[in-house]
N, C-alpha and C. Protein backbone atom coordinates (compact mmCIF):
# COMPACT_ATOMS: atom_id res chain seq x y z
N MET A 1 0.86 -1.17 0.00
CA MET A 1 0.00 0.00 0.00
C MET A 1 0.91 1.24 0.00
N ASN A 2 0.63 2.16 -0.93
CA ASN A 2 1.46 3.36 -0.97
C ASN A 2 1.04 4.33 0.14
N ARG A 3 1.88 5.30 0.39
CA ARG A 3 1.68 6.20 1.53
C ARG A 3 0.36 6.97 1.46
N PRO A 4 -0.04 7.59 0.32
CA PRO A 4 -1.33 8.31 0.28
C PRO A 4 -2.51 7.38 0.56
N SER A 5 -2.45 6.14 0.06
CA SER A 5 -3.54 5.19 0.33
C SER A 5 -3.61 4.84 1.80
N LEU A 6 -2.46 4.66 2.42
CA LEU A 6 -2.42 4.34 3.85
C LEU A 6 -2.99 5.49 4.68
N ILE A 7 -2.61 6.71 4.34
CA ILE A 7 -3.12 7.88 5.06
C ILE A 7 -4.63 7.98 4.89
N LEU A 8 -5.14 7.75 3.68
CA LEU A 8 -6.58 7.80 3.43
C LEU A 8 -7.29 6.71 4.22
N ALA A 9 -6.73 5.52 4.26
CA ALA A 9 -7.33 4.42 5.02
C ALA A 9 -7.41 4.76 6.50
N ILE A 10 -6.37 5.37 7.03
CA ILE A 10 -6.37 5.77 8.44
C ILE A 10 -7.43 6.83 8.70
N ILE A 11 -7.51 7.83 7.82
CA ILE A 11 -8.50 8.90 7.98
C ILE A 11 -9.91 8.33 7.91
N LEU A 12 -10.17 7.45 6.94
CA LEU A 12 -11.50 6.85 6.82
C LEU A 12 -11.83 6.01 8.05
N GLY A 13 -10.86 5.28 8.55
CA GLY A 13 -11.07 4.47 9.75
C GLY A 13 -11.42 5.33 10.95
N VAL A 14 -10.72 6.43 11.14
CA VAL A 14 -10.99 7.33 12.25
C VAL A 14 -12.35 7.97 12.08
N THR A 15 -12.69 8.38 10.86
CA THR A 15 -14.00 8.98 10.60
C THR A 15 -15.11 7.99 10.90
N THR A 16 -14.94 6.75 10.47
CA THR A 16 -15.95 5.73 10.72
C THR A 16 -16.11 5.49 12.21
N MET A 17 -15.00 5.40 12.93
CA MET A 17 -15.07 5.14 14.36
C MET A 17 -15.72 6.30 15.11
N THR A 18 -15.44 7.51 14.72
CA THR A 18 -15.97 8.65 15.45
C THR A 18 -17.38 9.02 15.02
N SER A 19 -17.89 8.46 13.92
CA SER A 19 -19.23 8.81 13.47
C SER A 19 -20.30 8.35 14.46
N TYR A 20 -20.00 7.34 15.27
CA TYR A 20 -20.96 6.92 16.29
C TYR A 20 -20.40 7.02 17.70
N ALA A 21 -19.24 7.62 17.85
CA ALA A 21 -18.63 7.75 19.18
C ALA A 21 -19.60 8.45 20.12
N GLY A 22 -19.84 7.85 21.26
CA GLY A 22 -20.74 8.43 22.24
C GLY A 22 -22.20 8.08 22.04
N ASP A 23 -22.57 7.61 20.86
CA ASP A 23 -23.96 7.28 20.57
C ASP A 23 -24.21 5.78 20.47
N CYS A 24 -23.17 4.98 20.62
CA CYS A 24 -23.30 3.53 20.50
C CYS A 24 -22.96 2.89 21.84
N TRP A 25 -23.98 2.51 22.59
CA TRP A 25 -23.79 1.93 23.91
C TRP A 25 -25.02 1.12 24.32
N LEU A 26 -24.79 0.25 25.26
CA LEU A 26 -25.86 -0.53 25.88
C LEU A 26 -25.73 -0.36 27.39
N ASP A 27 -26.80 0.09 28.04
CA ASP A 27 -26.82 0.18 29.49
C ASP A 27 -27.58 -1.03 30.02
N VAL A 28 -27.00 -1.74 30.99
CA VAL A 28 -27.66 -2.88 31.62
C VAL A 28 -27.85 -2.58 33.10
N TYR A 29 -28.97 -3.06 33.65
CA TYR A 29 -29.35 -2.80 35.03
C TYR A 29 -29.74 -4.10 35.71
N ASP A 30 -29.53 -4.18 37.02
CA ASP A 30 -29.90 -5.41 37.73
C ASP A 30 -31.25 -5.31 38.44
N LYS A 31 -32.02 -4.27 38.13
CA LYS A 31 -33.38 -4.13 38.65
C LYS A 31 -34.29 -3.72 37.49
N PRO A 32 -35.59 -4.03 37.59
CA PRO A 32 -36.54 -3.57 36.56
C PRO A 32 -36.62 -2.04 36.53
N GLY A 33 -37.13 -1.52 35.44
CA GLY A 33 -37.34 -0.08 35.33
C GLY A 33 -36.07 0.73 35.23
N LEU A 34 -35.00 0.12 34.72
CA LEU A 34 -33.69 0.77 34.58
C LEU A 34 -33.16 1.22 35.94
N GLY A 35 -33.35 0.37 36.95
CA GLY A 35 -32.91 0.70 38.29
C GLY A 35 -31.81 -0.23 38.80
N GLY A 36 -31.34 0.07 39.99
CA GLY A 36 -30.32 -0.74 40.64
C GLY A 36 -28.94 -0.46 40.10
N SER A 37 -28.06 -1.43 40.25
CA SER A 37 -26.69 -1.29 39.73
C SER A 37 -26.72 -1.22 38.21
N HIS A 38 -25.75 -0.53 37.65
CA HIS A 38 -25.79 -0.21 36.22
C HIS A 38 -24.39 -0.27 35.64
N VAL A 39 -24.29 -0.75 34.40
CA VAL A 39 -23.03 -0.73 33.65
C VAL A 39 -23.33 -0.26 32.24
N ARG A 40 -22.50 0.65 31.73
CA ARG A 40 -22.59 1.07 30.33
C ARG A 40 -21.51 0.35 29.55
N ILE A 41 -21.92 -0.30 28.46
CA ILE A 41 -21.00 -1.02 27.58
C ILE A 41 -20.92 -0.25 26.28
N GLU A 42 -19.76 0.29 25.97
CA GLU A 42 -19.56 1.04 24.73
C GLU A 42 -19.45 0.06 23.57
N GLY A 43 -20.11 0.38 22.46
CA GLY A 43 -20.04 -0.47 21.27
C GLY A 43 -19.03 0.07 20.29
N PRO A 44 -18.69 -0.73 19.31
CA PRO A 44 -19.13 -2.12 19.12
C PRO A 44 -18.42 -3.04 20.10
N SER A 45 -19.11 -4.13 20.46
CA SER A 45 -18.54 -5.07 21.42
C SER A 45 -19.19 -6.43 21.27
N GLU A 46 -18.40 -7.47 21.43
CA GLU A 46 -18.88 -8.85 21.44
C GLU A 46 -18.46 -9.44 22.78
N LEU A 47 -19.40 -9.68 23.65
CA LEU A 47 -19.10 -10.21 24.98
C LEU A 47 -19.56 -11.67 25.04
N LYS A 48 -18.61 -12.59 24.99
CA LYS A 48 -18.92 -14.03 25.00
C LYS A 48 -19.47 -14.48 26.34
N ASN A 49 -19.16 -13.75 27.38
CA ASN A 49 -19.74 -14.02 28.70
C ASN A 49 -19.74 -12.71 29.48
N LEU A 50 -20.39 -12.73 30.62
CA LEU A 50 -20.54 -11.51 31.42
C LEU A 50 -19.90 -11.66 32.79
N HIS A 51 -18.90 -12.54 32.91
CA HIS A 51 -18.26 -12.81 34.19
C HIS A 51 -17.48 -11.62 34.73
N LYS A 52 -16.85 -10.86 33.89
CA LYS A 52 -15.98 -9.76 34.35
C LYS A 52 -16.44 -8.41 33.79
N LEU A 53 -17.73 -8.24 33.64
CA LEU A 53 -18.25 -6.98 33.12
C LEU A 53 -18.07 -5.91 34.19
N ASN A 54 -17.24 -4.93 33.90
CA ASN A 54 -16.92 -3.87 34.86
C ASN A 54 -16.36 -4.47 36.16
N ASN A 55 -15.59 -5.55 36.00
CA ASN A 55 -14.99 -6.28 37.13
C ASN A 55 -16.01 -6.85 38.11
N GLU A 56 -17.22 -7.13 37.61
CA GLU A 56 -18.26 -7.75 38.42
C GLU A 56 -18.90 -8.89 37.64
N GLU A 57 -19.54 -9.79 38.36
CA GLU A 57 -20.28 -10.89 37.74
C GLU A 57 -21.67 -10.39 37.32
N TRP A 58 -21.93 -10.41 36.00
CA TRP A 58 -23.23 -9.97 35.49
C TRP A 58 -23.99 -11.10 34.79
N SER A 59 -23.48 -12.31 34.81
CA SER A 59 -24.23 -13.43 34.23
C SER A 59 -25.53 -13.62 34.99
N ASN A 60 -26.61 -13.82 34.27
CA ASN A 60 -27.93 -14.05 34.87
C ASN A 60 -28.31 -12.97 35.88
N ARG A 61 -27.92 -11.74 35.62
CA ARG A 61 -28.17 -10.64 36.55
C ARG A 61 -29.01 -9.52 35.93
N ILE A 62 -29.02 -9.39 34.63
CA ILE A 62 -29.64 -8.24 33.95
C ILE A 62 -31.16 -8.35 33.99
N GLU A 63 -31.82 -7.28 34.45
CA GLU A 63 -33.28 -7.24 34.50
C GLU A 63 -33.90 -6.19 33.58
N SER A 64 -33.11 -5.18 33.18
CA SER A 64 -33.61 -4.16 32.25
C SER A 64 -32.42 -3.60 31.49
N LEU A 65 -32.72 -2.94 30.35
CA LEU A 65 -31.63 -2.41 29.53
C LEU A 65 -32.12 -1.27 28.66
N SER A 66 -31.18 -0.48 28.17
CA SER A 66 -31.49 0.58 27.21
C SER A 66 -30.33 0.73 26.24
N THR A 67 -30.64 1.22 25.03
CA THR A 67 -29.62 1.36 23.99
C THR A 67 -29.46 2.82 23.58
N GLY A 68 -28.29 3.14 23.06
CA GLY A 68 -28.00 4.46 22.54
C GLY A 68 -28.62 4.67 21.17
N PRO A 69 -28.56 5.90 20.64
CA PRO A 69 -29.22 6.24 19.39
C PRO A 69 -28.63 5.58 18.15
N LYS A 70 -27.44 4.99 18.26
CA LYS A 70 -26.83 4.33 17.10
C LYS A 70 -26.44 2.90 17.44
N THR A 71 -27.32 2.21 18.18
CA THR A 71 -26.99 0.89 18.70
C THR A 71 -28.01 -0.16 18.30
N ARG A 72 -27.52 -1.32 17.92
CA ARG A 72 -28.33 -2.53 17.78
C ARG A 72 -27.67 -3.57 18.67
N ALA A 73 -28.45 -4.18 19.54
CA ALA A 73 -27.89 -5.15 20.48
C ALA A 73 -28.67 -6.45 20.43
N ILE A 74 -27.95 -7.54 20.60
CA ILE A 74 -28.57 -8.86 20.71
C ILE A 74 -28.11 -9.46 22.03
N ALA A 75 -29.08 -9.90 22.83
CA ALA A 75 -28.80 -10.54 24.11
C ALA A 75 -29.10 -12.03 23.97
N PHE A 76 -28.18 -12.86 24.43
CA PHE A 76 -28.29 -14.31 24.31
C PHE A 76 -28.43 -14.96 25.68
N ARG A 77 -29.21 -16.03 25.74
CA ARG A 77 -29.36 -16.79 26.98
C ARG A 77 -28.06 -17.46 27.39
N GLN A 78 -27.33 -17.98 26.42
CA GLN A 78 -26.15 -18.79 26.70
C GLN A 78 -24.86 -18.01 26.50
N GLU A 79 -23.80 -18.44 27.14
CA GLU A 79 -22.48 -17.88 26.87
C GLU A 79 -22.06 -18.25 25.45
N ASN A 80 -21.13 -17.49 24.89
CA ASN A 80 -20.58 -17.75 23.55
C ASN A 80 -21.65 -17.72 22.47
N PHE A 81 -22.74 -17.00 22.71
CA PHE A 81 -23.80 -16.81 21.71
C PHE A 81 -24.42 -18.13 21.27
N LYS A 82 -24.40 -19.14 22.13
CA LYS A 82 -24.90 -20.47 21.79
C LYS A 82 -26.39 -20.58 22.05
N GLU A 83 -26.98 -21.56 21.36
CA GLU A 83 -28.38 -21.85 21.58
C GLU A 83 -28.52 -22.92 22.64
N SER A 84 -29.67 -22.98 23.23
CA SER A 84 -29.97 -23.96 24.26
C SER A 84 -31.26 -24.67 23.88
N SER A 85 -31.47 -25.82 24.42
CA SER A 85 -32.72 -26.53 24.15
C SER A 85 -33.84 -26.03 25.05
N GLN A 86 -33.51 -25.16 25.99
CA GLN A 86 -34.49 -24.62 26.92
C GLN A 86 -35.41 -23.64 26.20
N GLY A 87 -36.69 -23.67 26.52
CA GLY A 87 -37.64 -22.75 25.91
C GLY A 87 -37.76 -21.46 26.69
N LEU A 88 -38.75 -20.67 26.34
CA LEU A 88 -39.00 -19.41 27.03
C LEU A 88 -39.37 -19.65 28.49
N VAL A 89 -38.91 -18.79 29.35
CA VAL A 89 -39.24 -18.89 30.76
C VAL A 89 -40.67 -18.44 30.98
N ASN A 90 -41.05 -17.32 30.42
CA ASN A 90 -42.42 -16.81 30.54
C ASN A 90 -43.12 -16.92 29.19
N HIS A 91 -44.15 -17.73 29.12
CA HIS A 91 -44.93 -17.88 27.89
C HIS A 91 -46.13 -16.96 27.99
N GLY A 92 -46.95 -16.99 26.95
CA GLY A 92 -48.26 -16.41 27.11
C GLY A 92 -48.58 -15.18 26.33
N ASP A 93 -49.51 -14.44 26.89
CA ASP A 93 -50.17 -13.35 26.20
C ASP A 93 -49.55 -12.00 26.51
N VAL A 94 -48.29 -11.99 26.86
CA VAL A 94 -47.63 -10.74 27.24
C VAL A 94 -47.70 -9.73 26.11
N PHE A 95 -47.41 -10.17 24.90
CA PHE A 95 -47.35 -9.23 23.77
C PHE A 95 -48.71 -8.63 23.44
N LYS A 96 -49.79 -9.33 23.72
CA LYS A 96 -51.12 -8.80 23.43
C LYS A 96 -51.40 -7.53 24.23
N ALA A 97 -50.83 -7.44 25.41
CA ALA A 97 -51.06 -6.28 26.27
C ALA A 97 -50.15 -5.11 25.93
N TRP A 98 -49.16 -5.35 25.10
CA TRP A 98 -48.18 -4.31 24.78
C TRP A 98 -48.61 -3.49 23.58
N ASN A 99 -48.25 -2.24 23.60
CA ASN A 99 -48.35 -1.42 22.40
C ASN A 99 -47.05 -1.48 21.63
N GLU A 100 -45.97 -1.89 22.28
CA GLU A 100 -44.64 -2.02 21.67
C GLU A 100 -44.12 -3.41 21.92
N LYS A 101 -43.17 -3.80 21.10
CA LYS A 101 -42.46 -5.04 21.36
C LYS A 101 -41.04 -4.90 20.83
N PRO A 102 -40.14 -5.78 21.27
CA PRO A 102 -38.76 -5.67 20.79
C PRO A 102 -38.68 -5.91 19.29
N GLU A 103 -37.56 -5.50 18.72
CA GLU A 103 -37.35 -5.65 17.29
C GLU A 103 -37.50 -7.11 16.86
N SER A 104 -36.92 -8.02 17.60
CA SER A 104 -37.12 -9.44 17.32
C SER A 104 -36.89 -10.22 18.59
N MET A 105 -37.46 -11.40 18.61
CA MET A 105 -37.33 -12.24 19.79
C MET A 105 -37.41 -13.69 19.37
N SER A 106 -36.58 -14.52 19.94
CA SER A 106 -36.67 -15.96 19.77
C SER A 106 -36.54 -16.56 21.15
N GLU A 107 -36.54 -17.87 21.21
CA GLU A 107 -36.38 -18.51 22.51
C GLU A 107 -34.97 -18.34 23.06
N GLN A 108 -34.00 -18.03 22.20
CA GLN A 108 -32.60 -17.99 22.62
C GLN A 108 -32.01 -16.59 22.68
N GLU A 109 -32.64 -15.63 22.02
CA GLU A 109 -32.06 -14.29 21.95
C GLU A 109 -33.14 -13.25 21.76
N ILE A 110 -32.82 -12.03 22.12
CA ILE A 110 -33.67 -10.88 21.80
C ILE A 110 -32.78 -9.83 21.15
N ALA A 111 -33.35 -9.10 20.21
CA ALA A 111 -32.63 -8.03 19.53
C ALA A 111 -33.38 -6.73 19.75
N VAL A 112 -32.64 -5.68 20.05
CA VAL A 112 -33.23 -4.36 20.24
C VAL A 112 -32.47 -3.35 19.40
N GLY A 113 -33.19 -2.34 18.94
CA GLY A 113 -32.60 -1.33 18.07
C GLY A 113 -32.25 -0.06 18.82
N PRO A 114 -31.98 0.99 18.05
CA PRO A 114 -31.57 2.28 18.62
C PRO A 114 -32.62 2.89 19.55
N ASP A 115 -32.15 3.59 20.56
CA ASP A 115 -33.00 4.32 21.51
C ASP A 115 -34.12 3.46 22.10
N HIS A 116 -33.81 2.24 22.45
CA HIS A 116 -34.82 1.32 22.98
C HIS A 116 -34.64 1.16 24.49
N LYS A 117 -35.75 1.08 25.19
CA LYS A 117 -35.72 0.81 26.63
C LYS A 117 -36.55 -0.45 26.88
N GLU A 118 -35.94 -1.43 27.49
CA GLU A 118 -36.65 -2.65 27.89
C GLU A 118 -36.69 -2.62 29.41
N LEU A 119 -37.85 -2.28 29.96
CA LEU A 119 -37.97 -2.01 31.39
C LEU A 119 -38.04 -3.25 32.26
N HIS A 120 -38.48 -4.37 31.69
CA HIS A 120 -38.55 -5.61 32.48
C HIS A 120 -38.36 -6.81 31.56
N LEU A 121 -37.18 -7.37 31.58
CA LEU A 121 -36.86 -8.49 30.69
C LEU A 121 -37.65 -9.75 31.03
N GLY A 122 -38.26 -9.81 32.21
CA GLY A 122 -39.11 -10.93 32.57
C GLY A 122 -40.31 -11.06 31.65
N GLU A 123 -40.78 -9.95 31.12
CA GLU A 123 -41.91 -9.98 30.20
C GLU A 123 -41.56 -10.64 28.87
N LEU A 124 -40.26 -10.78 28.61
CA LEU A 124 -39.79 -11.45 27.39
C LEU A 124 -39.22 -12.83 27.68
N GLY A 125 -39.27 -13.24 28.94
CA GLY A 125 -38.69 -14.51 29.32
C GLY A 125 -37.18 -14.45 29.47
N PHE A 126 -36.63 -13.26 29.65
CA PHE A 126 -35.19 -13.09 29.78
C PHE A 126 -34.79 -12.48 31.13
N HIS A 127 -35.66 -12.57 32.11
CA HIS A 127 -35.37 -12.06 33.45
C HIS A 127 -34.18 -12.80 34.04
N ARG A 128 -33.10 -12.06 34.28
CA ARG A 128 -31.87 -12.65 34.83
C ARG A 128 -31.44 -13.89 34.04
N ASN A 129 -31.52 -13.77 32.72
CA ASN A 129 -31.24 -14.92 31.87
C ASN A 129 -30.44 -14.50 30.63
N ILE A 130 -29.50 -13.57 30.79
CA ILE A 130 -28.63 -13.13 29.69
C ILE A 130 -27.19 -13.45 30.08
N ASN A 131 -26.49 -14.12 29.16
CA ASN A 131 -25.12 -14.56 29.44
C ASN A 131 -24.10 -14.16 28.39
N SER A 132 -24.54 -13.59 27.27
CA SER A 132 -23.61 -13.03 26.28
C SER A 132 -24.33 -11.93 25.51
N LEU A 133 -23.56 -10.98 24.98
CA LEU A 133 -24.12 -9.81 24.31
C LEU A 133 -23.33 -9.47 23.05
N SER A 134 -24.05 -9.04 22.02
CA SER A 134 -23.44 -8.52 20.81
C SER A 134 -23.97 -7.10 20.60
N ILE A 135 -23.06 -6.14 20.51
CA ILE A 135 -23.45 -4.74 20.36
C ILE A 135 -22.85 -4.22 19.06
N LYS A 136 -23.72 -3.80 18.14
CA LYS A 136 -23.31 -3.27 16.85
C LYS A 136 -23.64 -1.78 16.80
N CYS A 137 -22.83 -1.03 16.07
CA CYS A 137 -23.05 0.40 15.90
C CYS A 137 -23.56 0.67 14.50
N THR A 138 -24.56 1.54 14.39
CA THR A 138 -25.14 1.90 13.10
C THR A 138 -24.68 3.31 12.73
N PRO A 139 -24.64 3.59 11.43
CA PRO A 139 -24.20 4.94 11.01
C PRO A 139 -25.21 6.02 11.38
């Protein structure tokens, strides 16, 4: 790679990184309603487990979460983004009572988009049941 190309690549990389700086994050809480202890995870980030999140154990601890304006996050039941044979913890008619719902949901993961607040993960069957996270930044 010649010198002008290298300089351009560095500039583009810095521009891309700073285009979402400060706007790409996931806040996790250990109480419903965005309460209790809290950790902000700056994106992009792939967390295979939550054992040392902010030097604390956060596996099976998250009860609510919120995302920044340029964030897409996926929360997984299992470590290493693996699937489990276990089904939903809470089944039923929860979604019928909602005017909103998460971007997507399966038995193994939930995905949330920008500026989203999930006040009680128990309503999705994910109450204290998150063990890995993927945080992507959008332009």
